[in-house]
């Protein structure tokens, strides 16, 4: 599954010159936690999120002493926490993917950068956005489109291993026979193996779990 299959294409966005109050109202009215910021040329120039807003001075009651030096970082942070426009408070370093990005890459980026949504750019233009909510839709949709029996279990196990543990086809292979699930591939540690076992065993219909032991390392 690719970003283009998962993404929401009707994306609510805001301009960098918009007021922060306007952005907050858009977040509330649309029941979302983040907005892409699009400039006059249609380019993505940042993201404004609930986290950016909660970092403002209104929510930080502890007084801060003025710096002893002319540290640019202090003044940049002051603008971010006291500015009244979206461009003052937004995050400028935005993690994005192409429409052809696989699900495993999207999940890995969300985990690595601790973000809840990733914009999808097509030749520099915003084509859509993939959020955690979009990933959760996979769990809801999967039972309605898969076959019954072992094939259903195979897809259910593979999907949850990817979305919950970040383990895709590049790491492991899932085989199912008579409801017994066999996990084959690169299992790095006993902890990873146990996590795989617990997740797989929790899926309805699984009659047993077989996993490979991680390779023995000298000194262990």
C-alpha atoms as a PDB file:
ATOM      1  CA  UNK A   1       0.000   0.000   0.000  1.00  0.00           C
ATOM      2  CA  UNK A   2       1.356   3.416  -1.006  1.00  0.00           C
ATOM      3  CA  UNK A   3       0.899   6.985   0.205  1.00  0.00           C
ATOM      4  CA  UNK A   4      -1.408   7.740  -2.722  1.00  0.00           C
ATOM      5  CA  UNK A   5      -3.712   4.919  -1.570  1.00  0.00           C
ATOM      6  CA  UNK A   6      -3.852   6.168   2.021  1.00  0.00           C
ATOM      7  CA  UNK A   7      -3.725   9.947   1.837  1.00  0.00           C
ATOM      8  CA  UNK A   8      -6.547  12.397   2.349  1.00  0.00           C
ATOM      9  CA  UNK A   9      -6.687  14.571  -0.763  1.00  0.00           C
ATOM     10  CA  UNK A  10      -9.072  17.273   0.449  1.00  0.00           C
ATOM     11  CA  UNK A  11      -6.571  18.942   2.752  1.00  0.00           C
ATOM     12  CA  UNK A  12      -7.469  21.930   4.901  1.00  0.00           C
ATOM     13  CA  UNK A  13      -4.552  24.367   4.879  1.00  0.00           C
ATOM     14  CA  UNK A  14      -3.635  27.869   5.960  1.00  0.00           C
ATOM     15  CA  UNK A  15      -1.422  30.668   4.615  1.00  0.00           C
ATOM     16  CA  UNK A  16       1.723  31.838   6.436  1.00  0.00           C
ATOM     17  CA  UNK A  17       0.322  35.360   6.819  1.00  0.00           C
ATOM     18  CA  UNK A  18      -2.885  34.209   8.505  1.00  0.00           C
ATOM     19  CA  UNK A  19      -3.430  35.074  12.139  1.00  0.00           C
ATOM     20  CA  UNK A  20      -2.738  32.447  14.750  1.00  0.00           C
ATOM     21  CA  UNK A  21      -6.306  32.812  16.027  1.00  0.00           C
ATOM     22  CA  UNK A  22      -7.590  31.952  12.545  1.00  0.00           C
ATOM     23  CA  UNK A  23      -5.413  28.809  12.457  1.00  0.00           C
ATOM     24  CA  UNK A  24      -6.655  27.747  15.894  1.00  0.00           C
ATOM     25  CA  UNK A  25     -10.254  28.207  14.768  1.00  0.00           C
ATOM     26  CA  UNK A  26      -9.578  26.048  11.689  1.00  0.00           C
ATOM     27  CA  UNK A  27      -8.096  23.294  13.868  1.00  0.00           C
ATOM     28  CA  UNK A  28     -11.135  23.331  16.140  1.00  0.00           C
ATOM     29  CA  UNK A  29     -13.755  23.592  13.394  1.00  0.00           C
ATOM     30  CA  UNK A  30     -12.231  20.730  11.378  1.00  0.00           C
ATOM     31  CA  UNK A  31     -11.397  18.535  14.401  1.00  0.00           C
ATOM     32  CA  UNK A  32      -7.756  18.155  13.361  1.00  0.00           C
ATOM     33  CA  UNK A  33      -4.465  18.651  15.199  1.00  0.00           C
ATOM     34  CA  UNK A  34      -2.303  20.122  12.437  1.00  0.00           C
ATOM     35  CA  UNK A  35      -2.462  22.272   9.298  1.00  0.00           C
ATOM     36  CA  UNK A  36      -0.127  22.453   6.300  1.00  0.00           C
ATOM     37  CA  UNK A  37       1.019  26.003   5.586  1.00  0.00           C
ATOM     38  CA  UNK A  38       0.891  26.871   1.868  1.00  0.00           C
ATOM     39  CA  UNK A  39       2.413  30.062   0.417  1.00  0.00           C
ATOM     40  CA  UNK A  40       1.112  32.197  -2.478  1.00  0.00           C
ATOM     41  CA  UNK A  41       2.973  30.017  -5.000  1.00  0.00           C
ATOM     42  CA  UNK A  42       1.252  26.891  -3.731  1.00  0.00           C
ATOM     43  CA  UNK A  43       4.385  25.513  -2.072  1.00  0.00           C
ATOM     44  CA  UNK A  44       4.415  23.827   1.327  1.00  0.00           C
ATOM     45  CA  UNK A  45       6.427  26.058   3.659  1.00  0.00           C
ATOM     46  CA  UNK A  46       5.589  24.627   7.075  1.00  0.00           C
ATOM     47  CA  UNK A  47       3.147  22.967   9.460  1.00  0.00           C
ATOM     48  CA  UNK A  48       1.262  24.530  12.348  1.00  0.00           C
ATOM     49  CA  UNK A  49       0.178  22.036  15.004  1.00  0.00           C
ATOM     50  CA  UNK A  50      -1.406  21.913  18.421  1.00  0.00           C
ATOM     51  CA  UNK A  51       2.086  21.291  19.784  1.00  0.00           C
ATOM     52  CA  UNK A  52       3.418  24.510  18.244  1.00  0.00           C
ATOM     53  CA  UNK A  53       0.559  26.458  19.793  1.00  0.00           C
ATOM     54  CA  UNK A  54       0.910  24.854  23.228  1.00  0.00           C
ATOM     55  CA  UNK A  55       4.580  25.886  23.263  1.00  0.00           C
ATOM     56  CA  UNK A  56       3.548  29.546  23.305  1.00  0.00           C
ATOM     57  CA  UNK A  57       4.181  31.767  26.302  1.00  0.00           C
ATOM     58  CA  UNK A  58       0.498  31.810  27.320  1.00  0.00           C
ATOM     59  CA  UNK A  59       0.798  28.139  28.298  1.00  0.00           C
ATOM     60  CA  UNK A  60       4.193  28.468  30.021  1.00  0.00           C
ATOM     61  CA  UNK A  61       3.707  30.244  33.328  1.00  0.00           C
ATOM     62  CA  UNK A  62       7.297  29.828  34.583  1.00  0.00           C
ATOM     63  CA  UNK A  63       9.199  33.138  34.145  1.00  0.00           C
ATOM     64  CA  UNK A  64      12.377  33.017  32.084  1.00  0.00           C
ATOM     65  CA  UNK A  65      15.404  35.208  32.651  1.00  0.00           C
ATOM     66  CA  UNK A  66      16.705  37.278  29.745  1.00  0.00           C
ATOM     67  CA  UNK A  67      19.899  35.870  28.179  1.00  0.00           C
ATOM     68  CA  UNK A  68      23.305  37.351  28.980  1.00  0.00           C
ATOM     69  CA  UNK A  69      24.391  37.109  25.339  1.00  0.00           C
ATOM     70  CA  UNK A  70      22.913  37.949  21.958  1.00  0.00           C
ATOM     71  CA  UNK A  71      22.066  34.322  21.239  1.00  0.00           C
ATOM     72  CA  UNK A  72      20.047  34.221  17.977  1.00  0.00           C
ATOM     73  CA  UNK A  73      18.297  31.046  19.142  1.00  0.00           C
ATOM     74  CA  UNK A  74      16.772  32.942  22.077  1.00  0.00           C
ATOM     75  CA  UNK A  75      15.292  35.613  19.846  1.00  0.00           C
ATOM     76  CA  UNK A  76      14.076  33.058  17.292  1.00  0.00           C
ATOM     77  CA  UNK A  77      12.316  31.187  20.092  1.00  0.00           C
ATOM     78  CA  UNK A  78      10.821  34.441  21.369  1.00  0.00           C
ATOM     79  CA  UNK A  79       9.284  35.100  17.958  1.00  0.00           C
ATOM     80  CA  UNK A  80       7.941  31.531  17.818  1.00  0.00           C
ATOM     81  CA  UNK A  81       6.351  31.728  21.263  1.00  0.00           C
ATOM     82  CA  UNK A  82       5.055  35.315  21.060  1.00  0.00           C
ATOM     83  CA  UNK A  83       4.288  35.901  17.361  1.00  0.00           C
ATOM     84  CA  UNK A  84       0.718  36.464  16.240  1.00  0.00           C
ATOM     85  CA  UNK A  85       0.947  35.014  12.727  1.00  0.00           C
ATOM     86  CA  UNK A  86       1.146  31.427  11.521  1.00  0.00           C
ATOM     87  CA  UNK A  87       4.570  32.030   9.950  1.00  0.00           C
ATOM     88  CA  UNK A  88       5.917  33.077  13.363  1.00  0.00           C
ATOM     89  CA  UNK A  89       4.857  29.902  15.149  1.00  0.00           C
ATOM     90  CA  UNK A  90       4.878  27.168  12.503  1.00  0.00           C
ATOM     91  CA  UNK A  91       7.427  24.371  12.212  1.00  0.00           C
ATOM     92  CA  UNK A  92       9.491  25.000   9.083  1.00  0.00           C
ATOM     93  CA  UNK A  93      11.261  21.645   8.868  1.00  0.00           C
ATOM     94  CA  UNK A  94       8.542  19.447   7.403  1.00  0.00           C
ATOM     95  CA  UNK A  95       8.928  15.708   6.834  1.00  0.00           C
ATOM     96  CA  UNK A  96       7.197  14.728   3.583  1.00  0.00           C
ATOM     97  CA  UNK A  97       6.900  11.768   1.207  1.00  0.00           C
ATOM     98  CA  UNK A  98       6.061  11.192  -2.444  1.00  0.00           C
ATOM     99  CA  UNK A  99       2.784   9.586  -3.588  1.00  0.00           C
ATOM    100  CA  UNK A 100       4.734   6.371  -4.280  1.00  0.00           C
ATOM    101  CA  UNK A 101       6.108   6.064  -0.733  1.00  0.00           C
ATOM    102  CA  UNK A 102       5.248   2.655   0.797  1.00  0.00           C
ATOM    103  CA  UNK A 103       3.300   2.280   4.018  1.00  0.00           C
ATOM    104  CA  UNK A 104       6.380   0.981   5.858  1.00  0.00           C
ATOM    105  CA  UNK A 105       8.298   4.180   5.083  1.00  0.00           C
ATOM    106  CA  UNK A 106       5.440   6.371   6.290  1.00  0.00           C
ATOM    107  CA  UNK A 107       5.104   4.477   9.576  1.00  0.00           C
ATOM    108  CA  UNK A 108       8.873   4.578  10.122  1.00  0.00           C
ATOM    109  CA  UNK A 109       9.004   8.347   9.545  1.00  0.00           C
ATOM    110  CA  UNK A 110       6.130   8.955  11.950  1.00  0.00           C
ATOM    111  CA  UNK A 111       7.909   6.942  14.626  1.00  0.00           C
ATOM    112  CA  UNK A 112      11.353   8.442  13.986  1.00  0.00           C
ATOM    113  CA  UNK A 113      10.249  12.075  13.983  1.00  0.00           C
ATOM    114  CA  UNK A 114       7.333  11.700  16.437  1.00  0.00           C
ATOM    115  CA  UNK A 115       4.842  13.313  14.052  1.00  0.00           C
ATOM    116  CA  UNK A 116       1.135  12.576  13.650  1.00  0.00           C
ATOM    117  CA  UNK A 117       0.818  13.456   9.963  1.00  0.00           C
ATOM    118  CA  UNK A 118       3.015  13.513   6.873  1.00  0.00           C
ATOM    119  CA  UNK A 119       2.314  15.672   3.801  1.00  0.00           C
ATOM    120  CA  UNK A 120       2.456  13.997   0.392  1.00  0.00           C
ATOM    121  CA  UNK A 121       4.205  16.120  -2.251  1.00  0.00           C
ATOM    122  CA  UNK A 122       3.912  15.529  -5.994  1.00  0.00           C
ATOM    123  CA  UNK A 123       6.542  17.551  -7.881  1.00  0.00           C
ATOM    124  CA  UNK A 124       6.691  19.979  -4.973  1.00  0.00           C
ATOM    125  CA  UNK A 125       2.932  20.534  -4.761  1.00  0.00           C
ATOM    126  CA  UNK A 126       0.782  19.293  -1.885  1.00  0.00           C
ATOM    127  CA  UNK A 127      -1.168  16.287  -3.167  1.00  0.00           C
ATOM    128  CA  UNK A 128      -2.522  15.073   0.153  1.00  0.00           C
ATOM    129  CA  UNK A 129      -1.668  14.179   3.714  1.00  0.00           C
ATOM    130  CA  UNK A 130      -1.381  10.887   5.611  1.00  0.00           C
ATOM    131  CA  UNK A 131      -2.340  10.992   9.276  1.00  0.00           C
ATOM    132  CA  UNK A 132      -2.400   8.414  12.030  1.00  0.00           C
ATOM    133  CA  UNK A 133      -6.151   8.307  11.565  1.00  0.00           C
ATOM    134  CA  UNK A 134      -5.671   7.269   7.926  1.00  0.00           C
ATOM    135  CA  UNK A 135      -3.480   4.389   9.100  1.00  0.00           C
ATOM    136  CA  UNK A 136      -6.132   3.288  11.581  1.00  0.00           C
ATOM    137  CA  UNK A 137      -8.630   3.048   8.729  1.00  0.00           C
ATOM    138  CA  UNK A 138      -6.598   0.107   7.419  1.00  0.00           C
ATOM    139  CA  UNK A 139      -7.547  -1.880  10.506  1.00  0.00           C
ATOM    140  CA  UNK A 140     -11.236  -1.166   9.971  1.00  0.00           C
ATOM    141  CA  UNK A 141     -11.260  -1.853   6.240  1.00  0.00           C
ATOM    142  CA  UNK A 142      -9.143  -4.998   6.192  1.00  0.00           C
ATOM    143  CA  UNK A 143     -11.761  -7.551   7.416  1.00  0.00           C
ATOM    144  CA  UNK A 144     -14.214  -6.418   4.720  1.00  0.00           C
ATOM    145  CA  UNK A 145     -11.871  -6.987   1.778  1.00  0.00           C
ATOM    146  CA  UNK A 146      -9.835 -10.059   2.677  1.00  0.00           C
ATOM    147  CA  UNK A 147     -10.559 -13.719   2.168  1.00  0.00           C
ATOM    148  CA  UNK A 148     -11.533 -16.027   5.002  1.00  0.00           C
ATOM    149  CA  UNK A 149      -9.322 -18.556   6.724  1.00  0.00           C
ATOM    150  CA  UNK A 150      -5.546 -18.644   6.498  1.00  0.00           C
ATOM    151  CA  UNK A 151      -5.372 -15.883   3.875  1.00  0.00           C
ATOM    152  CA  UNK A 152      -7.329 -13.555   6.149  1.00  0.00           C
ATOM    153  CA  UNK A 153      -5.052 -14.306   9.095  1.00  0.00           C
ATOM    154  CA  UNK A 154      -1.930 -13.794   6.989  1.00  0.00           C
ATOM    155  CA  UNK A 155      -3.020 -10.316   5.924  1.00  0.00           C
ATOM    156  CA  UNK A 156      -4.261  -9.354   9.382  1.00  0.00           C
ATOM    157  CA  UNK A 157      -0.984 -10.399  11.028  1.00  0.00           C
ATOM    158  CA  UNK A 158       1.180  -8.708   8.383  1.00  0.00           C
ATOM    159  CA  UNK A 159      -0.814  -5.472   8.628  1.00  0.00           C
ATOM    160  CA  UNK A 160      -0.591  -5.241  12.412  1.00  0.00           C
ATOM    161  CA  UNK A 161       3.101  -6.153  12.498  1.00  0.00           C
ATOM    162  CA  UNK A 162       3.726  -3.268  10.113  1.00  0.00           C
ATOM    163  CA  UNK A 163       1.498  -0.641  11.708  1.00  0.00           C
ATOM    164  CA  UNK A 164       2.267  -1.475  15.362  1.00  0.00           C
ATOM    165  CA  UNK A 165       5.862  -2.749  15.298  1.00  0.00           C
ATOM    166  CA  UNK A 166       7.153  -1.284  12.035  1.00  0.00           C
ATOM    167  CA  UNK A 167       8.052  -4.735  10.706  1.00  0.00           C
ATOM    168  CA  UNK A 168       7.439  -4.942   6.961  1.00  0.00           C
ATOM    169  CA  UNK A 169       8.129  -7.428   4.201  1.00  0.00           C
ATOM    170  CA  UNK A 170      11.748  -6.276   4.054  1.00  0.00           C
ATOM    171  CA  UNK A 171      12.265  -7.778   7.523  1.00  0.00           C
ATOM    172  CA  UNK A 172       9.860 -10.662   7.933  1.00  0.00           C
ATOM    173  CA  UNK A 173       7.542 -13.009   6.079  1.00  0.00           C
ATOM    174  CA  UNK A 174       4.234 -14.229   7.484  1.00  0.00           C
ATOM    175  CA  UNK A 175       2.997 -17.726   6.625  1.00  0.00           C
ATOM    176  CA  UNK A 176      -0.214 -19.316   7.899  1.00  0.00           C
ATOM    177  CA  UNK A 177      -1.288 -22.935   7.714  1.00  0.00           C
ATOM    178  CA  UNK A 178      -4.308 -24.333   9.529  1.00  0.00           C
ATOM    179  CA  UNK A 179      -4.457 -21.153  11.653  1.00  0.00           C
ATOM    180  CA  UNK A 180      -0.856 -21.566  12.857  1.00  0.00           C
ATOM    181  CA  UNK A 181       1.226 -18.474  12.080  1.00  0.00           C
ATOM    182  CA  UNK A 182       4.904 -18.829  11.215  1.00  0.00           C
ATOM    183  CA  UNK A 183       7.101 -15.728  11.287  1.00  0.00           C
ATOM    184  CA  UNK A 184      10.222 -16.023   9.133  1.00  0.00           C
ATOM    185  CA  UNK A 185      12.954 -13.443   8.762  1.00  0.00           C
ATOM    186  CA  UNK A 186      15.313 -11.100  10.569  1.00  0.00           C
ATOM    187  CA  UNK A 187      14.297 -11.073  14.224  1.00  0.00           C
ATOM    188  CA  UNK A 188      16.960  -9.035  15.980  1.00  0.00           C
ATOM    189  CA  UNK A 189      16.393  -9.881  19.648  1.00  0.00           C
ATOM    190  CA  UNK A 190      14.422 -11.945  22.131  1.00  0.00           C
ATOM    191  CA  UNK A 191      12.428  -8.808  23.031  1.00  0.00           C
ATOM    192  CA  UNK A 192      11.426  -8.291  19.405  1.00  0.00           C
ATOM    193  CA  UNK A 193      10.532 -11.968  19.106  1.00  0.00           C
ATOM    194  CA  UNK A 194       8.339 -11.785  22.206  1.00  0.00           C
ATOM    195  CA  UNK A 195       6.592  -8.633  20.945  1.00  0.00           C
ATOM    196  CA  UNK A 196       5.839 -10.412  17.662  1.00  0.00           C
ATOM    197  CA  UNK A 197       4.490 -13.432  19.537  1.00  0.00           C
ATOM    198  CA  UNK A 198       2.232 -11.358  21.800  1.00  0.00           C
ATOM    199  CA  UNK A 199       0.843  -9.277  18.935  1.00  0.00           C
ATOM    200  CA  UNK A 200       0.203 -12.293  16.718  1.00  0.00           C
ATOM    201  CA  UNK A 201      -1.399 -14.350  19.479  1.00  0.00           C
ATOM    202  CA  UNK A 202      -3.815 -11.498  20.237  1.00  0.00           C
ATOM    203  CA  UNK A 203      -5.417 -11.724  16.778  1.00  0.00           C
ATOM    204  CA  UNK A 204      -8.698 -13.606  16.731  1.00  0.00           C
ATOM    205  CA  UNK A 205      -8.462 -16.927  14.912  1.00  0.00           C
ATOM    206  CA  UNK A 206      -4.744 -17.527  15.451  1.00  0.00           C
ATOM    207  CA  UNK A 207      -4.233 -21.065  16.731  1.00  0.00           C
ATOM    208  CA  UNK A 208      -0.504 -20.888  17.359  1.00  0.00           C
ATOM    209  CA  UNK A 209       2.634 -18.854  16.697  1.00  0.00           C
ATOM    210  CA  UNK A 210       6.013 -20.121  15.515  1.00  0.00           C
ATOM    211  CA  UNK A 211       8.954 -17.703  15.375  1.00  0.00           C
ATOM    212  CA  UNK A 212      12.614 -18.084  14.618  1.00  0.00           C
ATOM    213  CA  UNK A 213      15.076 -17.503  17.417  1.00  0.00           C
ATOM    214  CA  UNK A 214      17.397 -14.497  16.950  1.00  0.00           C
ATOM    215  CA  UNK A 215      20.982 -15.362  15.957  1.00  0.00           C
ATOM    216  CA  UNK A 216      23.345 -16.173  18.801  1.00  0.00           C
ATOM    217  CA  UNK A 217      25.974 -13.519  19.415  1.00  0.00           C
ATOM    218  CA  UNK A 218      29.345 -14.380  20.992  1.00  0.00           C
ATOM    219  CA  UNK A 219      29.490 -13.466  24.646  1.00  0.00           C
ATOM    220  CA  UNK A 220      25.752 -13.817  25.215  1.00  0.00           C
END
